[in-house]
Amino acid sequence: MASAAQLSVAEGRRSNRSRVNCQLIGEHRLRGEIVLHVANISTDGFMTASATGMSRGERIVVRLPQVGHIEAHLLWSLDERAGFQFERIIRSDDFELMIAAIRPAERLQPVS
């Protein structure tokens, strides 16, 4: 990729992470759809438990319950994990509604 993403939030863990166990579909401009197994999520990003094969700064668009489509940038990857930062911070009220929508789905469709 020609240039790194210009991230709106400084790298660092300032938000509380909520543990989840769900799948998201990410849309990559070159690779198309990518299945992401999300292990935790916060108002400013998420961590996947599956390797993405992407480089730092690459972008994907994910669709989150309550939030809708949001762009995320790859910040780091290590072994089978990868951390993404959202293009903007999710409002706390939308985040709570999103978590409520994700957690019931975890019990119905566990990630294998």
N, C-alpha and C. Protein backbone atom coordinates (compact mmCIF):
# COMPACT_ATOMS: atom_id res chain seq x y z
N MET A 1 0.84 -1.16 0.00
CA MET A 1 0.00 0.00 0.00
C MET A 1 0.89 1.23 0.00
N ALA A 2 0.53 2.27 -0.70
CA ALA A 2 1.39 3.43 -0.91
C ALA A 2 1.65 4.24 0.35
N SER A 3 0.63 4.44 1.17
CA SER A 3 0.83 5.25 2.38
C SER A 3 0.03 4.66 3.53
N ALA A 4 0.51 4.93 4.73
CA ALA A 4 -0.16 4.44 5.93
C ALA A 4 -1.40 5.27 6.20
N ALA A 5 -2.33 4.68 6.91
CA ALA A 5 -3.57 5.36 7.26
C ALA A 5 -3.30 6.51 8.22
N GLN A 6 -4.05 7.57 8.09
CA GLN A 6 -3.98 8.68 9.03
C GLN A 6 -5.03 8.42 10.10
N LEU A 7 -4.62 7.90 11.24
CA LEU A 7 -5.54 7.46 12.26
C LEU A 7 -6.03 8.62 13.11
N SER A 8 -7.32 8.61 13.43
CA SER A 8 -7.92 9.71 14.17
C SER A 8 -7.71 9.60 15.67
N VAL A 9 -7.44 8.41 16.17
CA VAL A 9 -7.24 8.19 17.60
C VAL A 9 -5.83 7.68 17.80
N ALA A 10 -5.11 8.24 18.73
CA ALA A 10 -3.74 7.81 18.99
C ALA A 10 -3.71 6.36 19.40
N GLU A 11 -2.68 5.63 18.92
CA GLU A 11 -2.56 4.22 19.26
C GLU A 11 -2.40 4.08 20.77
N GLY A 12 -3.10 3.17 21.35
CA GLY A 12 -3.06 2.95 22.78
C GLY A 12 -4.42 2.46 23.25
N ARG A 13 -4.43 1.78 24.36
CA ARG A 13 -5.66 1.20 24.86
C ARG A 13 -6.28 2.09 25.92
N ARG A 14 -7.13 2.99 25.47
CA ARG A 14 -7.80 3.89 26.40
C ARG A 14 -9.23 3.45 26.68
N SER A 15 -9.81 2.66 25.81
CA SER A 15 -11.18 2.22 25.97
C SER A 15 -11.24 0.83 26.59
N ASN A 16 -12.28 0.59 27.35
CA ASN A 16 -12.50 -0.75 27.89
C ASN A 16 -12.91 -1.67 26.76
N ARG A 17 -12.34 -2.86 26.76
CA ARG A 17 -12.69 -3.87 25.77
C ARG A 17 -13.81 -4.74 26.30
N SER A 18 -14.74 -5.08 25.42
CA SER A 18 -15.80 -6.04 25.75
C SER A 18 -15.48 -7.34 25.04
N ARG A 19 -15.39 -8.42 25.82
CA ARG A 19 -15.13 -9.73 25.20
C ARG A 19 -16.36 -10.16 24.43
N VAL A 20 -16.13 -10.59 23.21
CA VAL A 20 -17.20 -11.12 22.36
C VAL A 20 -16.66 -12.35 21.64
N ASN A 21 -17.52 -13.06 21.00
CA ASN A 21 -17.15 -14.23 20.22
C ASN A 21 -18.09 -14.26 19.02
N CYS A 22 -17.75 -13.47 18.01
CA CYS A 22 -18.67 -13.36 16.86
C CYS A 22 -17.87 -13.21 15.57
N GLN A 23 -18.57 -13.33 14.48
CA GLN A 23 -17.97 -13.14 13.17
C GLN A 23 -18.48 -11.84 12.56
N LEU A 24 -17.57 -11.11 11.92
CA LEU A 24 -17.92 -9.94 11.13
C LEU A 24 -17.40 -10.17 9.72
N ILE A 25 -18.08 -9.58 8.78
CA ILE A 25 -17.60 -9.60 7.41
C ILE A 25 -16.96 -8.24 7.14
N GLY A 26 -15.70 -8.28 6.75
CA GLY A 26 -15.00 -7.06 6.36
C GLY A 26 -14.89 -6.99 4.86
N GLU A 27 -15.00 -5.80 4.33
CA GLU A 27 -14.88 -5.61 2.88
C GLU A 27 -13.55 -4.89 2.61
N HIS A 28 -12.65 -5.60 1.94
CA HIS A 28 -11.34 -5.06 1.59
C HIS A 28 -11.38 -4.66 0.11
N ARG A 29 -10.77 -3.53 -0.23
CA ARG A 29 -10.89 -3.02 -1.61
C ARG A 29 -10.26 -3.94 -2.65
N LEU A 30 -9.25 -4.73 -2.27
CA LEU A 30 -8.63 -5.65 -3.23
C LEU A 30 -9.04 -7.10 -3.03
N ARG A 31 -9.22 -7.51 -1.78
CA ARG A 31 -9.51 -8.92 -1.47
C ARG A 31 -10.98 -9.25 -1.42
N GLY A 32 -11.83 -8.25 -1.43
CA GLY A 32 -13.27 -8.50 -1.33
C GLY A 32 -13.65 -8.79 0.12
N GLU A 33 -14.57 -9.73 0.32
CA GLU A 33 -15.05 -10.05 1.66
C GLU A 33 -14.04 -10.89 2.44
N ILE A 34 -13.85 -10.51 3.71
CA ILE A 34 -12.97 -11.23 4.62
C ILE A 34 -13.78 -11.55 5.88
N VAL A 35 -13.76 -12.80 6.32
CA VAL A 35 -14.44 -13.18 7.55
C VAL A 35 -13.49 -12.92 8.72
N LEU A 36 -13.96 -12.17 9.71
CA LEU A 36 -13.17 -11.83 10.88
C LEU A 36 -13.81 -12.44 12.11
N HIS A 37 -13.04 -13.17 12.89
CA HIS A 37 -13.51 -13.75 14.15
C HIS A 37 -13.12 -12.78 15.26
N VAL A 38 -14.08 -12.02 15.76
CA VAL A 38 -13.81 -10.95 16.71
C VAL A 38 -13.79 -11.49 18.13
N ALA A 39 -12.69 -11.19 18.85
CA ALA A 39 -12.50 -11.65 20.23
C ALA A 39 -12.84 -10.56 21.24
N ASN A 40 -12.57 -9.30 20.89
CA ASN A 40 -12.98 -8.20 21.75
C ASN A 40 -13.20 -6.95 20.91
N ILE A 41 -13.98 -6.03 21.49
CA ILE A 41 -14.35 -4.82 20.76
C ILE A 41 -14.50 -3.69 21.75
N SER A 42 -14.21 -2.48 21.30
CA SER A 42 -14.36 -1.29 22.13
C SER A 42 -14.95 -0.18 21.27
N THR A 43 -15.06 1.00 21.85
CA THR A 43 -15.61 2.12 21.10
C THR A 43 -14.66 2.62 20.02
N ASP A 44 -13.39 2.21 20.10
CA ASP A 44 -12.45 2.69 19.09
C ASP A 44 -11.78 1.60 18.26
N GLY A 45 -12.13 0.33 18.46
CA GLY A 45 -11.55 -0.72 17.64
C GLY A 45 -11.91 -2.12 18.09
N PHE A 46 -11.25 -3.11 17.47
CA PHE A 46 -11.53 -4.50 17.82
C PHE A 46 -10.30 -5.36 17.55
N MET A 47 -10.27 -6.55 18.16
CA MET A 47 -9.22 -7.51 17.93
C MET A 47 -9.83 -8.78 17.34
N THR A 48 -9.17 -9.28 16.31
CA THR A 48 -9.62 -10.54 15.72
C THR A 48 -8.76 -11.67 16.26
N ALA A 49 -9.33 -12.85 16.29
CA ALA A 49 -8.61 -14.05 16.72
C ALA A 49 -8.21 -14.88 15.52
N SER A 50 -8.27 -14.27 14.34
CA SER A 50 -7.86 -14.97 13.12
C SER A 50 -6.96 -14.05 12.31
N ALA A 51 -5.92 -14.61 11.75
CA ALA A 51 -4.98 -13.82 10.97
C ALA A 51 -5.67 -13.28 9.72
N THR A 52 -5.29 -12.09 9.33
CA THR A 52 -5.92 -11.46 8.17
C THR A 52 -5.02 -11.47 6.95
N GLY A 53 -3.69 -11.61 7.13
CA GLY A 53 -2.78 -11.55 6.00
C GLY A 53 -2.66 -10.15 5.43
N MET A 54 -3.03 -9.15 6.21
CA MET A 54 -2.97 -7.76 5.77
C MET A 54 -1.77 -7.06 6.41
N SER A 55 -1.40 -5.92 5.86
CA SER A 55 -0.29 -5.13 6.39
C SER A 55 -0.82 -3.95 7.19
N ARG A 56 0.02 -3.47 8.10
CA ARG A 56 -0.34 -2.33 8.94
C ARG A 56 -0.79 -1.16 8.06
N GLY A 57 -1.91 -0.54 8.45
CA GLY A 57 -2.44 0.61 7.72
C GLY A 57 -3.50 0.26 6.69
N GLU A 58 -3.61 -1.01 6.31
CA GLU A 58 -4.65 -1.39 5.35
C GLU A 58 -6.03 -1.17 5.96
N ARG A 59 -7.00 -0.96 5.09
CA ARG A 59 -8.34 -0.60 5.54
C ARG A 59 -9.36 -1.64 5.12
N ILE A 60 -10.36 -1.80 5.98
CA ILE A 60 -11.53 -2.61 5.67
C ILE A 60 -12.75 -1.84 6.13
N VAL A 61 -13.90 -2.22 5.60
CA VAL A 61 -15.17 -1.66 6.06
C VAL A 61 -15.96 -2.82 6.66
N VAL A 62 -16.43 -2.65 7.90
CA VAL A 62 -17.24 -3.67 8.56
C VAL A 62 -18.62 -3.09 8.84
N ARG A 63 -19.60 -3.98 8.96
CA ARG A 63 -20.95 -3.56 9.33
C ARG A 63 -21.23 -4.05 10.73
N LEU A 64 -21.50 -3.12 11.64
CA LEU A 64 -21.76 -3.44 13.03
C LEU A 64 -23.23 -3.20 13.35
N PRO A 65 -23.84 -4.06 14.19
CA PRO A 65 -25.21 -3.81 14.62
C PRO A 65 -25.31 -2.43 15.28
N GLN A 66 -26.35 -1.71 15.01
CA GLN A 66 -26.65 -0.39 15.58
C GLN A 66 -25.76 0.71 14.99
N VAL A 67 -24.53 0.41 14.66
CA VAL A 67 -23.58 1.41 14.17
C VAL A 67 -23.63 1.55 12.66
N GLY A 68 -23.80 0.43 11.97
CA GLY A 68 -23.78 0.44 10.51
C GLY A 68 -22.38 0.23 9.98
N HIS A 69 -22.12 0.72 8.77
CA HIS A 69 -20.81 0.55 8.14
C HIS A 69 -19.81 1.53 8.75
N ILE A 70 -18.63 0.99 9.05
CA ILE A 70 -17.56 1.82 9.61
C ILE A 70 -16.22 1.28 9.10
N GLU A 71 -15.34 2.19 8.76
CA GLU A 71 -14.02 1.80 8.27
C GLU A 71 -13.10 1.53 9.46
N ALA A 72 -12.23 0.55 9.29
CA ALA A 72 -11.25 0.20 10.33
C ALA A 72 -9.89 0.03 9.67
N HIS A 73 -8.85 0.41 10.39
CA HIS A 73 -7.47 0.34 9.90
C HIS A 73 -6.70 -0.68 10.73
N LEU A 74 -5.91 -1.51 10.08
CA LEU A 74 -5.09 -2.49 10.79
C LEU A 74 -3.94 -1.77 11.49
N LEU A 75 -3.89 -1.91 12.83
CA LEU A 75 -2.81 -1.31 13.62
C LEU A 75 -1.67 -2.27 13.86
N TRP A 76 -2.00 -3.54 14.13
CA TRP A 76 -0.97 -4.51 14.47
C TRP A 76 -1.46 -5.92 14.16
N SER A 77 -0.53 -6.85 14.01
CA SER A 77 -0.86 -8.28 13.89
C SER A 77 0.27 -9.06 14.54
N LEU A 78 -0.10 -10.15 15.18
CA LEU A 78 0.85 -11.01 15.88
C LEU A 78 0.28 -12.42 15.90
N ASP A 79 1.02 -13.35 15.30
CA ASP A 79 0.55 -14.74 15.19
C ASP A 79 -0.82 -14.76 14.54
N GLU A 80 -1.82 -15.24 15.25
CA GLU A 80 -3.17 -15.36 14.70
C GLU A 80 -4.08 -14.18 15.05
N ARG A 81 -3.54 -13.18 15.73
CA ARG A 81 -4.36 -12.04 16.16
C ARG A 81 -4.03 -10.78 15.36
N ALA A 82 -5.02 -9.89 15.30
CA ALA A 82 -4.81 -8.60 14.63
C ALA A 82 -5.70 -7.56 15.30
N GLY A 83 -5.18 -6.34 15.41
CA GLY A 83 -5.93 -5.25 16.04
C GLY A 83 -6.28 -4.17 15.03
N PHE A 84 -7.54 -3.77 15.01
CA PHE A 84 -8.03 -2.75 14.10
C PHE A 84 -8.54 -1.55 14.90
N GLN A 85 -8.38 -0.37 14.32
CA GLN A 85 -8.89 0.85 14.92
C GLN A 85 -9.95 1.43 14.00
N PHE A 86 -11.11 1.81 14.57
CA PHE A 86 -12.16 2.42 13.78
C PHE A 86 -11.76 3.82 13.33
N GLU A 87 -12.34 4.25 12.23
CA GLU A 87 -12.06 5.59 11.70
C GLU A 87 -12.57 6.69 12.63
N ARG A 88 -13.53 6.35 13.45
CA ARG A 88 -14.10 7.29 14.42
C ARG A 88 -14.51 6.51 15.66
N ILE A 89 -14.66 7.20 16.75
CA ILE A 89 -15.08 6.56 18.00
C ILE A 89 -16.59 6.36 17.96
N ILE A 90 -17.03 5.18 18.37
CA ILE A 90 -18.46 4.87 18.42
C ILE A 90 -19.05 5.50 19.68
N ARG A 91 -20.16 6.17 19.55
CA ARG A 91 -20.82 6.78 20.71
C ARG A 91 -21.17 5.70 21.72
N SER A 92 -21.05 6.02 23.01
CA SER A 92 -21.24 5.02 24.06
C SER A 92 -22.64 4.42 24.06
N ASP A 93 -23.68 5.21 23.76
CA ASP A 93 -25.03 4.65 23.73
C ASP A 93 -25.20 3.67 22.57
N ASP A 94 -24.64 3.98 21.41
CA ASP A 94 -24.67 3.06 20.28
C ASP A 94 -23.84 1.81 20.57
N PHE A 95 -22.72 1.98 21.27
CA PHE A 95 -21.87 0.85 21.62
C PHE A 95 -22.62 -0.14 22.52
N GLU A 96 -23.32 0.37 23.53
CA GLU A 96 -24.08 -0.51 24.44
C GLU A 96 -25.17 -1.28 23.68
N LEU A 97 -25.85 -0.62 22.76
CA LEU A 97 -26.87 -1.29 21.95
C LEU A 97 -26.24 -2.33 21.03
N MET A 98 -25.07 -2.02 20.49
CA MET A 98 -24.35 -2.95 19.62
C MET A 98 -23.96 -4.21 20.40
N ILE A 99 -23.41 -4.04 21.60
CA ILE A 99 -23.01 -5.18 22.43
C ILE A 99 -24.23 -6.03 22.77
N ALA A 100 -25.33 -5.41 23.10
CA ALA A 100 -26.56 -6.16 23.40
C ALA A 100 -27.02 -6.97 22.19
N ALA A 101 -26.82 -6.43 20.99
CA ALA A 101 -27.20 -7.15 19.77
C ALA A 101 -26.23 -8.28 19.45
N ILE A 102 -24.94 -8.09 19.75
CA ILE A 102 -23.93 -9.11 19.44
C ILE A 102 -24.01 -10.29 20.40
N ARG A 103 -24.13 -10.03 21.67
CA ARG A 103 -24.04 -11.11 22.67
C ARG A 103 -25.12 -12.18 22.54
N PRO A 104 -26.38 -11.86 22.27
CA PRO A 104 -27.34 -12.95 22.07
C PRO A 104 -26.97 -13.82 20.87
N ALA A 105 -26.40 -13.24 19.84
CA ALA A 105 -26.00 -13.99 18.65
C ALA A 105 -24.86 -14.95 18.97
N GLU A 106 -24.02 -14.61 19.94
CA GLU A 106 -22.92 -15.51 20.33
C GLU A 106 -23.44 -16.86 20.77
N ARG A 107 -24.53 -16.86 21.53
CA ARG A 107 -25.06 -18.12 22.04
C ARG A 107 -25.67 -18.95 20.92
N LEU A 108 -26.17 -18.29 19.89
CA LEU A 108 -26.81 -19.01 18.79
C LEU A 108 -25.80 -19.53 17.77
N GLN A 109 -24.74 -18.75 17.50
CA GLN A 109 -23.76 -19.13 16.49
C GLN A 109 -22.34 -18.95 17.01
N PRO A 110 -21.86 -19.89 17.84
CA PRO A 110 -20.49 -19.75 18.35
C PRO A 110 -19.47 -19.86 17.23
N VAL A 111 -18.37 -19.14 17.40
CA VAL A 111 -17.27 -19.20 16.44
C VAL A 111 -16.54 -20.51 16.65
N SER A 112 -16.27 -21.23 15.55
CA SER A 112 -15.58 -22.52 15.68
C SER A 112 -14.11 -22.39 15.42
